[in-house]
Amino acid sequence: MRLTVNLEPDLYAVAVSLAKAEDCSISAAVNKLLRRGLPTSGDGRERPIGRTRRRNGILVSVGGAPITAETIRRIEEEDDAS
């Protein structure tokens, strides 16, 4: 289906970045991003949000940057500054 959509600059940048990273069109990247936001897959089955794996019986998110003490300090400094 053909559709014209106006994306905000930051969302367009995300779509372009994903398209380059996965070597696909921007249209395919936008489709992937929209599907990630849905709580179910196309066939109606519940799907987990994001990539996860089980570690010691607990679901763990895969692929995100680790949160370190330095990350927390930086965020607190930014929060204090605003």
PDB file of N, CA and C in Angstrom:
ATOM      1  N   MET A   1       0.839  -1.168   0.000  1.00  0.00           N
ATOM      2  CA  MET A   1       0.000   0.000   0.000  1.00  0.00           C
ATOM      3  C   MET A   1       0.890   1.240   0.000  1.00  0.00           C
ATOM      4  N   ARG A   2       0.543   2.197  -0.769  1.00  0.00           N
ATOM      5  CA  ARG A   2       1.321   3.433  -0.866  1.00  0.00           C
ATOM      6  C   ARG A   2       0.674   4.491   0.016  1.00  0.00           C
ATOM      7  N   LEU A   3       1.521   5.215   0.784  1.00  0.00           N
ATOM      8  CA  LEU A   3       1.031   6.227   1.712  1.00  0.00           C
ATOM      9  C   LEU A   3       2.122   7.268   1.903  1.00  0.00           C
ATOM     10  N   THR A   4       1.731   8.518   1.943  1.00  0.00           N
ATOM     11  CA  THR A   4       2.689   9.582   2.225  1.00  0.00           C
ATOM     12  C   THR A   4       2.555   9.964   3.686  1.00  0.00           C
ATOM     13  N   VAL A   5       3.677   9.968   4.392  1.00  0.00           N
ATOM     14  CA  VAL A   5       3.687  10.290   5.818  1.00  0.00           C
ATOM     15  C   VAL A   5       4.779  11.325   6.065  1.00  0.00           C
ATOM     16  N   ASN A   6       4.483  12.313   6.872  1.00  0.00           N
ATOM     17  CA  ASN A   6       5.490  13.298   7.274  1.00  0.00           C
ATOM     18  C   ASN A   6       6.051  12.882   8.625  1.00  0.00           C
ATOM     19  N   LEU A   7       7.338  12.559   8.652  1.00  0.00           N
ATOM     20  CA  LEU A   7       7.999  12.159   9.892  1.00  0.00           C
ATOM     21  C   LEU A   7       8.741  13.348  10.481  1.00  0.00           C
ATOM     22  N   GLU A   8       8.762  13.413  11.796  1.00  0.00           N
ATOM     23  CA  GLU A   8       9.571  14.425  12.456  1.00  0.00           C
ATOM     24  C   GLU A   8      11.036  14.066  12.213  1.00  0.00           C
ATOM     25  N   PRO A   9      11.922  15.053  12.208  1.00  0.00           N
ATOM     26  CA  PRO A   9      13.326  14.811  11.854  1.00  0.00           C
ATOM     27  C   PRO A   9      14.005  13.709  12.667  1.00  0.00           C
ATOM     28  N   ASP A  10      13.731  13.634  13.967  1.00  0.00           N
ATOM     29  CA  ASP A  10      14.384  12.605  14.780  1.00  0.00           C
ATOM     30  C   ASP A  10      13.888  11.210  14.423  1.00  0.00           C
ATOM     31  N   LEU A  11      12.597  11.085  14.106  1.00  0.00           N
ATOM     32  CA  LEU A  11      12.055   9.781  13.713  1.00  0.00           C
ATOM     33  C   LEU A  11      12.572   9.370  12.337  1.00  0.00           C
ATOM     34  N   TYR A  12      12.687  10.340  11.439  1.00  0.00           N
ATOM     35  CA  TYR A  12      13.252  10.060  10.123  1.00  0.00           C
ATOM     36  C   TYR A  12      14.692   9.573  10.259  1.00  0.00           C
ATOM     37  N   ALA A  13      15.453  10.203  11.147  1.00  0.00           N
ATOM     38  CA  ALA A  13      16.846   9.796  11.365  1.00  0.00           C
ATOM     39  C   ALA A  13      16.925   8.362  11.880  1.00  0.00           C
ATOM     40  N   VAL A  14      15.998   7.976  12.755  1.00  0.00           N
ATOM     41  CA  VAL A  14      15.968   6.597  13.258  1.00  0.00           C
ATOM     42  C   VAL A  14      15.681   5.633  12.111  1.00  0.00           C
ATOM     43  N   ALA A  15      14.705   5.969  11.276  1.00  0.00           N
ATOM     44  CA  ALA A  15      14.349   5.099  10.149  1.00  0.00           C
ATOM     45  C   ALA A  15      15.511   4.962   9.168  1.00  0.00           C
ATOM     46  N   VAL A  16      16.179   6.061   8.868  1.00  0.00           N
ATOM     47  CA  VAL A  16      17.324   6.026   7.946  1.00  0.00           C
ATOM     48  C   VAL A  16      18.454   5.195   8.541  1.00  0.00           C
ATOM     49  N   SER A  17      18.703   5.383   9.828  1.00  0.00           N
ATOM     50  CA  SER A  17      19.767   4.629  10.499  1.00  0.00           C
ATOM     51  C   SER A  17      19.488   3.129  10.461  1.00  0.00           C
ATOM     52  N   LEU A  18      18.247   2.744  10.742  1.00  0.00           N
ATOM     53  CA  LEU A  18      17.882   1.324  10.701  1.00  0.00           C
ATOM     54  C   LEU A  18      17.996   0.785   9.279  1.00  0.00           C
ATOM     55  N   ALA A  19      17.556   1.563   8.303  1.00  0.00           N
ATOM     56  CA  ALA A  19      17.634   1.129   6.904  1.00  0.00           C
ATOM     57  C   ALA A  19      19.079   0.866   6.494  1.00  0.00           C
ATOM     58  N   LYS A  20      19.981   1.751   6.907  1.00  0.00           N
ATOM     59  CA  LYS A  20      21.400   1.552   6.584  1.00  0.00           C
ATOM     60  C   LYS A  20      21.961   0.342   7.323  1.00  0.00           C
ATOM     61  N   ALA A  21      21.615   0.212   8.601  1.00  0.00           N
ATOM     62  CA  ALA A  21      22.150  -0.882   9.417  1.00  0.00           C
ATOM     63  C   ALA A  21      21.690  -2.245   8.920  1.00  0.00           C
ATOM     64  N   GLU A  22      20.458  -2.317   8.441  1.00  0.00           N
ATOM     65  CA  GLU A  22      19.906  -3.601   8.001  1.00  0.00           C
ATOM     66  C   GLU A  22      19.878  -3.727   6.487  1.00  0.00           C
ATOM     67  N   ASP A  23      20.485  -2.763   5.779  1.00  0.00           N
ATOM     68  CA  ASP A  23      20.570  -2.782   4.322  1.00  0.00           C
ATOM     69  C   ASP A  23      19.202  -3.015   3.689  1.00  0.00           C
ATOM     70  N   CYS A  24      18.251  -2.149   4.071  1.00  0.00           N
ATOM     71  CA  CYS A  24      16.903  -2.244   3.513  1.00  0.00           C
ATOM     72  C   CYS A  24      16.419  -0.833   3.181  1.00  0.00           C
ATOM     73  N   SER A  25      15.261  -0.744   2.578  1.00  0.00           N
ATOM     74  CA  SER A  25      14.704   0.564   2.231  1.00  0.00           C
ATOM     75  C   SER A  25      14.175   1.254   3.488  1.00  0.00           C
ATOM     76  N   ILE A  26      13.974   2.557   3.390  1.00  0.00           N
ATOM     77  CA  ILE A  26      13.399   3.297   4.513  1.00  0.00           C
ATOM     78  C   ILE A  26      11.982   2.791   4.776  1.00  0.00           C
ATOM     79  N   SER A  27      11.263   2.463   3.717  1.00  0.00           N
ATOM     80  CA  SER A  27       9.911   1.927   3.870  1.00  0.00           C
ATOM     81  C   SER A  27       9.923   0.638   4.696  1.00  0.00           C
ATOM     82  N   ALA A  28      10.853  -0.268   4.383  1.00  0.00           N
ATOM     83  CA  ALA A  28      10.959  -1.522   5.142  1.00  0.00           C
ATOM     84  C   ALA A  28      11.358  -1.240   6.588  1.00  0.00           C
ATOM     85  N   ALA A  29      12.228  -0.256   6.786  1.00  0.00           N
ATOM     86  CA  ALA A  29      12.649   0.098   8.146  1.00  0.00           C
ATOM     87  C   ALA A  29      11.474   0.644   8.951  1.00  0.00           C
ATOM     88  N   VAL A  30      10.668   1.509   8.337  1.00  0.00           N
ATOM     89  CA  VAL A  30       9.493   2.051   9.033  1.00  0.00           C
ATOM     90  C   VAL A  30       8.524   0.924   9.377  1.00  0.00           C
ATOM     91  N   ASN A  31       8.325  -0.023   8.452  1.00  0.00           N
ATOM     92  CA  ASN A  31       7.463  -1.176   8.741  1.00  0.00           C
ATOM     93  C   ASN A  31       7.978  -1.960   9.945  1.00  0.00           C
ATOM     94  N   LYS A  32       9.291  -2.202   9.995  1.00  0.00           N
ATOM     95  CA  LYS A  32       9.877  -2.938  11.121  1.00  0.00           C
ATOM     96  C   LYS A  32       9.666  -2.189  12.430  1.00  0.00           C
ATOM     97  N   LEU A  33       9.891  -0.881  12.400  1.00  0.00           N
ATOM     98  CA  LEU A  33       9.726  -0.080  13.612  1.00  0.00           C
ATOM     99  C   LEU A  33       8.273  -0.077  14.088  1.00  0.00           C
ATOM    100  N   LEU A  34       7.341   0.022  13.152  1.00  0.00           N
ATOM    101  CA  LEU A  34       5.928  -0.015  13.533  1.00  0.00           C
ATOM    102  C   LEU A  34       5.551  -1.368  14.127  1.00  0.00           C
ATOM    103  N   ARG A  35       6.044  -2.457  13.529  1.00  0.00           N
ATOM    104  CA  ARG A  35       5.738  -3.791  14.059  1.00  0.00           C
ATOM    105  C   ARG A  35       6.300  -3.983  15.458  1.00  0.00           C
ATOM    106  N   ARG A  36       7.473  -3.411  15.721  1.00  0.00           N
ATOM    107  CA  ARG A  36       8.061  -3.520  17.058  1.00  0.00           C
ATOM    108  C   ARG A  36       7.160  -2.889  18.116  1.00  0.00           C
ATOM    109  N   GLY A  37       6.395  -1.896  17.707  1.00  0.00           N
ATOM    110  CA  GLY A  37       5.515  -1.211  18.644  1.00  0.00           C
ATOM    111  C   GLY A  37       4.213  -1.938  18.913  1.00  0.00           C
ATOM    112  N   LEU A  38       3.910  -2.957  18.122  1.00  0.00           N
ATOM    113  CA  LEU A  38       2.661  -3.696  18.309  1.00  0.00           C
ATOM    114  C   LEU A  38       2.818  -4.776  19.371  1.00  0.00           C
ATOM    115  N   PRO A  39       1.792  -4.961  20.217  1.00  0.00           N
ATOM    116  CA  PRO A  39       1.882  -5.997  21.257  1.00  0.00           C
ATOM    117  C   PRO A  39       1.707  -7.413  20.713  1.00  0.00           C
ATOM    118  N   THR A  40       1.217  -7.551  19.478  1.00  0.00           N
ATOM    119  CA  THR A  40       1.034  -8.880  18.896  1.00  0.00           C
ATOM    120  C   THR A  40       1.683  -8.934  17.526  1.00  0.00           C
ATOM    121  N   SER A  41       1.978 -10.154  17.092  1.00  0.00           N
ATOM    122  CA  SER A  41       2.529 -10.331  15.749  1.00  0.00           C
ATOM    123  C   SER A  41       1.384 -10.268  14.744  1.00  0.00           C
ATOM    124  N   GLY A  42       1.674 -10.334  13.464  1.00  0.00           N
ATOM    125  CA  GLY A  42       0.659 -10.246  12.424  1.00  0.00           C
ATOM    126  C   GLY A  42      -0.409 -11.321  12.505  1.00  0.00           C
ATOM    127  N   ASP A  43      -0.081 -12.487  13.078  1.00  0.00           N
ATOM    128  CA  ASP A  43      -1.060 -13.571  13.166  1.00  0.00           C
ATOM    129  C   ASP A  43      -1.854 -13.529  14.471  1.00  0.00           C
ATOM    130  N   GLY A  44      -1.706 -12.465  15.255  1.00  0.00           N
ATOM    131  CA  GLY A  44      -2.489 -12.319  16.472  1.00  0.00           C
ATOM    132  C   GLY A  44      -1.868 -12.903  17.724  1.00  0.00           C
ATOM    133  N   ARG A  45      -0.737 -13.621  17.585  1.00  0.00           N
ATOM    134  CA  ARG A  45      -0.092 -14.199  18.772  1.00  0.00           C
ATOM    135  C   ARG A  45       0.649 -13.119  19.543  1.00  0.00           C
ATOM    136  N   GLU A  46       0.612 -13.221  20.864  1.00  0.00           N
ATOM    137  CA  GLU A  46       1.358 -12.287  21.709  1.00  0.00           C
ATOM    138  C   GLU A  46       2.842 -12.462  21.420  1.00  0.00           C
ATOM    139  N   ARG A  47       3.559 -11.371  21.293  1.00  0.00           N
ATOM    140  CA  ARG A  47       4.989 -11.477  21.053  1.00  0.00           C
ATOM    141  C   ARG A  47       5.716 -10.626  22.088  1.00  0.00           C
ATOM    142  N   PRO A  48       6.889 -11.068  22.487  1.00  0.00           N
ATOM    143  CA  PRO A  48       7.632 -10.271  23.464  1.00  0.00           C
ATOM    144  C   PRO A  48       8.089  -8.954  22.852  1.00  0.00           C
ATOM    145  N   ILE A  49       8.113  -7.917  23.648  1.00  0.00           N
ATOM    146  CA  ILE A  49       8.589  -6.617  23.190  1.00  0.00           C
ATOM    147  C   ILE A  49      10.117  -6.637  23.199  1.00  0.00           C
ATOM    148  N   GLY A  50      10.738  -6.309  22.091  1.00  0.00           N
ATOM    149  CA  GLY A  50      12.193  -6.299  22.011  1.00  0.00           C
ATOM    150  C   GLY A  50      12.769  -7.703  21.963  1.00  0.00           C
ATOM    151  N   ARG A  51      14.090  -7.769  21.985  1.00  0.00           N
ATOM    152  CA  ARG A  51      14.760  -9.070  21.978  1.00  0.00           C
ATOM    153  C   ARG A  51      15.066  -9.454  23.416  1.00  0.00           C
ATOM    154  N   THR A  52      14.695 -10.662  23.771  1.00  0.00           N
ATOM    155  CA  THR A  52      14.947 -11.135  25.132  1.00  0.00           C
ATOM    156  C   THR A  52      15.515 -12.542  25.087  1.00  0.00           C
ATOM    157  N   ARG A  53      16.125 -12.930  26.201  1.00  0.00           N
ATOM    158  CA  ARG A  53      16.553 -14.316  26.379  1.00  0.00           C
ATOM    159  C   ARG A  53      16.367 -14.641  27.848  1.00  0.00           C
ATOM    160  N   ARG A  54      16.347 -15.917  28.150  1.00  0.00           N
ATOM    161  CA  ARG A  54      16.172 -16.342  29.520  1.00  0.00           C
ATOM    162  C   ARG A  54      17.532 -16.610  30.147  1.00  0.00           C
ATOM    163  N   ARG A  55      17.761 -16.041  31.324  1.00  0.00           N
ATOM    164  CA  ARG A  55      19.005 -16.267  32.051  1.00  0.00           C
ATOM    165  C   ARG A  55      18.636 -16.578  33.494  1.00  0.00           C
ATOM    166  N   ASN A  56      18.971 -17.784  33.919  1.00  0.00           N
ATOM    167  CA  ASN A  56      18.612 -18.241  35.265  1.00  0.00           C
ATOM    168  C   ASN A  56      17.116 -18.109  35.525  1.00  0.00           C
ATOM    169  N   GLY A  57      16.317 -18.373  34.490  1.00  0.00           N
ATOM    170  CA  GLY A  57      14.868 -18.333  34.628  1.00  0.00           C
ATOM    171  C   GLY A  57      14.254 -16.946  34.529  1.00  0.00           C
ATOM    172  N   ILE A  58      15.069 -15.929  34.300  1.00  0.00           N
ATOM    173  CA  ILE A  58      14.571 -14.557  34.237  1.00  0.00           C
ATOM    174  C   ILE A  58      14.753 -14.034  32.819  1.00  0.00           C
ATOM    175  N   LEU A  59      13.728 -13.356  32.278  1.00  0.00           N
ATOM    176  CA  LEU A  59      13.849 -12.747  30.960  1.00  0.00           C
ATOM    177  C   LEU A  59      14.776 -11.545  31.044  1.00  0.00           C
ATOM    178  N   VAL A  60      15.777 -11.527  30.167  1.00  0.00           N
ATOM    179  CA  VAL A  60      16.766 -10.456  30.144  1.00  0.00           C
ATOM    180  C   VAL A  60      16.742  -9.817  28.764  1.00  0.00           C
ATOM    181  N   SER A  61      16.710  -8.492  28.713  1.00  0.00           N
ATOM    182  CA  SER A  61      16.747  -7.765  27.456  1.00  0.00           C
ATOM    183  C   SER A  61      18.126  -7.919  26.825  1.00  0.00           C
ATOM    184  N   VAL A  62      18.150  -8.147  25.509  1.00  0.00           N
ATOM    185  CA  VAL A  62      19.408  -8.350  24.796  1.00  0.00           C
ATOM    186  C   VAL A  62      19.674  -7.151  23.895  1.00  0.00           C
ATOM    187  N   GLY A  63      20.911  -6.717  23.855  1.00  0.00           N
ATOM    188  CA  GLY A  63      21.310  -5.717  22.882  1.00  0.00           C
ATOM    189  C   GLY A  63      21.377  -4.292  23.371  1.00  0.00           C
ATOM    190  N   GLY A  64      20.832  -4.013  24.516  1.00  0.00           N
ATOM    191  CA  GLY A  64      20.908  -2.648  25.028  1.00  0.00           C
ATOM    192  C   GLY A  64      22.259  -2.379  25.660  1.00  0.00           C
ATOM    193  N   ALA A  65      22.611  -1.123  25.707  1.00  0.00           N
ATOM    194  CA  ALA A  65      23.866  -0.753  26.361  1.00  0.00           C
ATOM    195  C   ALA A  65      23.725  -0.956  27.866  1.00  0.00           C
ATOM    196  N   PRO A  66      24.767  -1.452  28.515  1.00  0.00           N
ATOM    197  CA  PRO A  66      24.684  -1.655  29.964  1.00  0.00           C
ATOM    198  C   PRO A  66      24.589  -0.313  30.687  1.00  0.00           C
ATOM    199  N   ILE A  67      23.870  -0.308  31.795  1.00  0.00           N
ATOM    200  CA  ILE A  67      23.760   0.893  32.614  1.00  0.00           C
ATOM    201  C   ILE A  67      24.833   0.813  33.681  1.00  0.00           C
ATOM    202  N   THR A  68      25.757   1.747  33.632  1.00  0.00           N
ATOM    203  CA  THR A  68      26.878   1.762  34.566  1.00  0.00           C
ATOM    204  C   THR A  68      26.692   2.892  35.575  1.00  0.00           C
ATOM    205  N   ALA A  69      27.548   2.899  36.588  1.00  0.00           N
ATOM    206  CA  ALA A  69      27.517   3.982  37.569  1.00  0.00           C
ATOM    207  C   ALA A  69      27.777   5.323  36.882  1.00  0.00           C
ATOM    208  N   GLU A  70      28.658   5.328  35.894  1.00  0.00           N
ATOM    209  CA  GLU A  70      28.949   6.557  35.149  1.00  0.00           C
ATOM    210  C   GLU A  70      27.709   7.046  34.401  1.00  0.00           C
ATOM    211  N   THR A  71      26.944   6.125  33.810  1.00  0.00           N
ATOM    212  CA  THR A  71      25.708   6.492  33.117  1.00  0.00           C
ATOM    213  C   THR A  71      24.751   7.173  34.084  1.00  0.00           C
ATOM    214  N   ILE A  72      24.597   6.596  35.264  1.00  0.00           N
ATOM    215  CA  ILE A  72      23.684   7.154  36.267  1.00  0.00           C
ATOM    216  C   ILE A  72      24.161   8.532  36.721  1.00  0.00           C
ATOM    217  N   ARG A  73      25.467   8.677  36.955  1.00  0.00           N
ATOM    218  CA  ARG A  73      26.013   9.983  37.354  1.00  0.00           C
ATOM    219  C   ARG A  73      25.732  11.046  36.288  1.00  0.00           C
ATOM    220  N   ARG A  74      25.947  10.683  35.024  1.00  0.00           N
ATOM    221  CA  ARG A  74      25.723  11.631  33.929  1.00  0.00           C
ATOM    222  C   ARG A  74      24.254  12.053  33.874  1.00  0.00           C
ATOM    223  N   ILE A  75      23.342  11.089  34.002  1.00  0.00           N
ATOM    224  CA  ILE A  75      21.910  11.395  33.957  1.00  0.00           C
ATOM    225  C   ILE A  75      21.510  12.277  35.137  1.00  0.00           C
ATOM    226  N   GLU A  76      22.051  11.977  36.321  1.00  0.00           N
ATOM    227  CA  GLU A  76      21.741  12.797  37.494  1.00  0.00           C
ATOM    228  C   GLU A  76      22.257  14.224  37.317  1.00  0.00           C
ATOM    229  N   GLU A  77      23.451  14.373  36.738  1.00  0.00           N
ATOM    230  CA  GLU A  77      23.999  15.708  36.493  1.00  0.00           C
ATOM    231  C   GLU A  77      23.131  16.481  35.503  1.00  0.00           C
ATOM    232  N   GLU A  78      22.673  15.796  34.447  1.00  0.00           N
ATOM    233  CA  GLU A  78      21.796  16.440  33.469  1.00  0.00           C
ATOM    234  C   GLU A  78      20.486  16.850  34.122  1.00  0.00           C
ATOM    235  N   ASP A  79      19.959  15.984  34.996  1.00  0.00           N
ATOM    236  CA  ASP A  79      18.702  16.261  35.680  1.00  0.00           C
ATOM    237  C   ASP A  79      18.855  17.452  36.628  1.00  0.00           C
ATOM    238  N   ASP A  80      19.980  17.500  37.345  1.00  0.00           N
ATOM    239  CA  ASP A  80      20.230  18.610  38.270  1.00  0.00           C
ATOM    240  C   ASP A  80      20.390  19.932  37.527  1.00  0.00           C
ATOM    241  N   ALA A  81      20.961  19.867  36.325  1.00  0.00           N
ATOM    242  CA  ALA A  81      21.201  21.080  35.547  1.00  0.00           C
ATOM    243  C   ALA A  81      19.906  21.678  35.001  1.00  0.00           C
ATOM    244  N   SER A  82      18.874  20.851  34.852  1.00  0.00           N
ATOM    245  CA  SER A  82      17.622  21.372  34.270  1.00  0.00           C
ATOM    246  C   SER A  82      16.624  21.794  35.298  1.00  0.00           C
TER     247      SER A  82
END
